[in-house]
Amino acid sequence: MPNYYFKEIWTPLKWVKIRFFRDDDDRVWVKFGSRRRQLLSRQEVKTKTEA
């Protein structure tokens, strides 16, 4: 399993133990209480295509 560096995103939901994190690849993760972090959404990679 790869290692990630997380930075916590502050929201008022932190008061009810729902915390959001951003990893070094700029993806958003969510943590509910004492559960493990889960990837919130998968962002599609922007690619240039030639037609």
C-alpha atoms as a PDB file:
ATOM      1  CA  MET A   1       0.000   0.000   0.000  1.00  0.00           C
ATOM      2  CA  PRO A   2       1.453   3.379  -0.966  1.00  0.00           C
ATOM      3  CA  ASN A   3       2.249   6.034   1.580  1.00  0.00           C
ATOM      4  CA  TYR A   4       0.373   9.324   1.332  1.00  0.00           C
ATOM      5  CA  TYR A   5       0.955  12.687   2.936  1.00  0.00           C
ATOM      6  CA  PHE A   6      -2.348  14.128   4.162  1.00  0.00           C
ATOM      7  CA  LYS A   7      -3.309  17.695   4.959  1.00  0.00           C
ATOM      8  CA  GLU A   8      -6.534  18.175   6.887  1.00  0.00           C
ATOM      9  CA  ILE A   9      -9.187  20.440   5.367  1.00  0.00           C
ATOM     10  CA  TRP A  10     -10.962  22.331   8.118  1.00  0.00           C
ATOM     11  CA  THR A  11     -14.784  22.268   8.021  1.00  0.00           C
ATOM     12  CA  PRO A  12     -17.431  22.662  10.746  1.00  0.00           C
ATOM     13  CA  LEU A  13     -18.177  18.938  10.290  1.00  0.00           C
ATOM     14  CA  LYS A  14     -14.999  18.295  12.286  1.00  0.00           C
ATOM     15  CA  TRP A  15     -17.073  19.039  15.417  1.00  0.00           C
ATOM     16  CA  VAL A  16     -19.182  15.916  14.722  1.00  0.00           C
ATOM     17  CA  LYS A  17     -16.109  13.789  13.862  1.00  0.00           C
ATOM     18  CA  ILE A  18     -16.347  13.936  10.070  1.00  0.00           C
ATOM     19  CA  ARG A  19     -12.965  15.022   8.764  1.00  0.00           C
ATOM     20  CA  PHE A  20     -11.697  15.705   5.250  1.00  0.00           C
ATOM     21  CA  PHE A  21      -8.125  15.326   4.045  1.00  0.00           C
ATOM     22  CA  ARG A  22      -6.238  16.162   0.849  1.00  0.00           C
ATOM     23  CA  ASP A  23      -3.356  13.910  -0.188  1.00  0.00           C
ATOM     24  CA  ASP A  24      -0.204  14.715  -2.126  1.00  0.00           C
ATOM     25  CA  ASP A  25      -1.959  13.848  -5.429  1.00  0.00           C
ATOM     26  CA  ASP A  26      -4.692  16.454  -4.668  1.00  0.00           C
ATOM     27  CA  ARG A  27      -7.411  13.843  -4.047  1.00  0.00           C
ATOM     28  CA  VAL A  28      -9.963  14.274  -1.256  1.00  0.00           C
ATOM     29  CA  TRP A  29     -10.413  11.639   1.476  1.00  0.00           C
ATOM     30  CA  VAL A  30     -13.041  11.467   4.227  1.00  0.00           C
ATOM     31  CA  LYS A  31     -12.846   9.956   7.717  1.00  0.00           C
ATOM     32  CA  PHE A  32     -15.918   9.181   9.855  1.00  0.00           C
ATOM     33  CA  GLY A  33     -15.103   8.947  13.565  1.00  0.00           C
ATOM     34  CA  SER A  34     -12.501   6.249  14.153  1.00  0.00           C
ATOM     35  CA  ARG A  35     -12.959   4.510  10.790  1.00  0.00           C
ATOM     36  CA  ARG A  36     -10.250   4.393   8.145  1.00  0.00           C
ATOM     37  CA  ARG A  37      -9.901   7.167   5.587  1.00  0.00           C
ATOM     38  CA  GLN A  38     -11.791   6.541   2.363  1.00  0.00           C
ATOM     39  CA  LEU A  39     -11.281   8.168  -0.997  1.00  0.00           C
ATOM     40  CA  LEU A  40     -14.211  10.536  -1.423  1.00  0.00           C
ATOM     41  CA  SER A  41     -14.309  10.896  -5.191  1.00  0.00           C
ATOM     42  CA  ARG A  42     -12.225   9.885  -8.101  1.00  0.00           C
ATOM     43  CA  GLN A  43     -11.262  12.759 -10.365  1.00  0.00           C
ATOM     44  CA  GLU A  44     -10.651  12.030 -14.005  1.00  0.00           C
ATOM     45  CA  VAL A  45      -7.245  12.873 -15.350  1.00  0.00           C
ATOM     46  CA  LYS A  46      -7.311  15.614 -17.961  1.00  0.00           C
ATOM     47  CA  THR A  47      -5.624  14.476 -21.150  1.00  0.00           C
ATOM     48  CA  LYS A  48      -5.193  16.191 -24.468  1.00  0.00           C
ATOM     49  CA  THR A  49      -6.442  14.200 -27.409  1.00  0.00           C
ATOM     50  CA  GLU A  50      -5.840  15.010 -31.024  1.00  0.00           C
ATOM     51  CA  ALA A  51      -8.699  14.537 -33.458  1.00  0.00           C
END
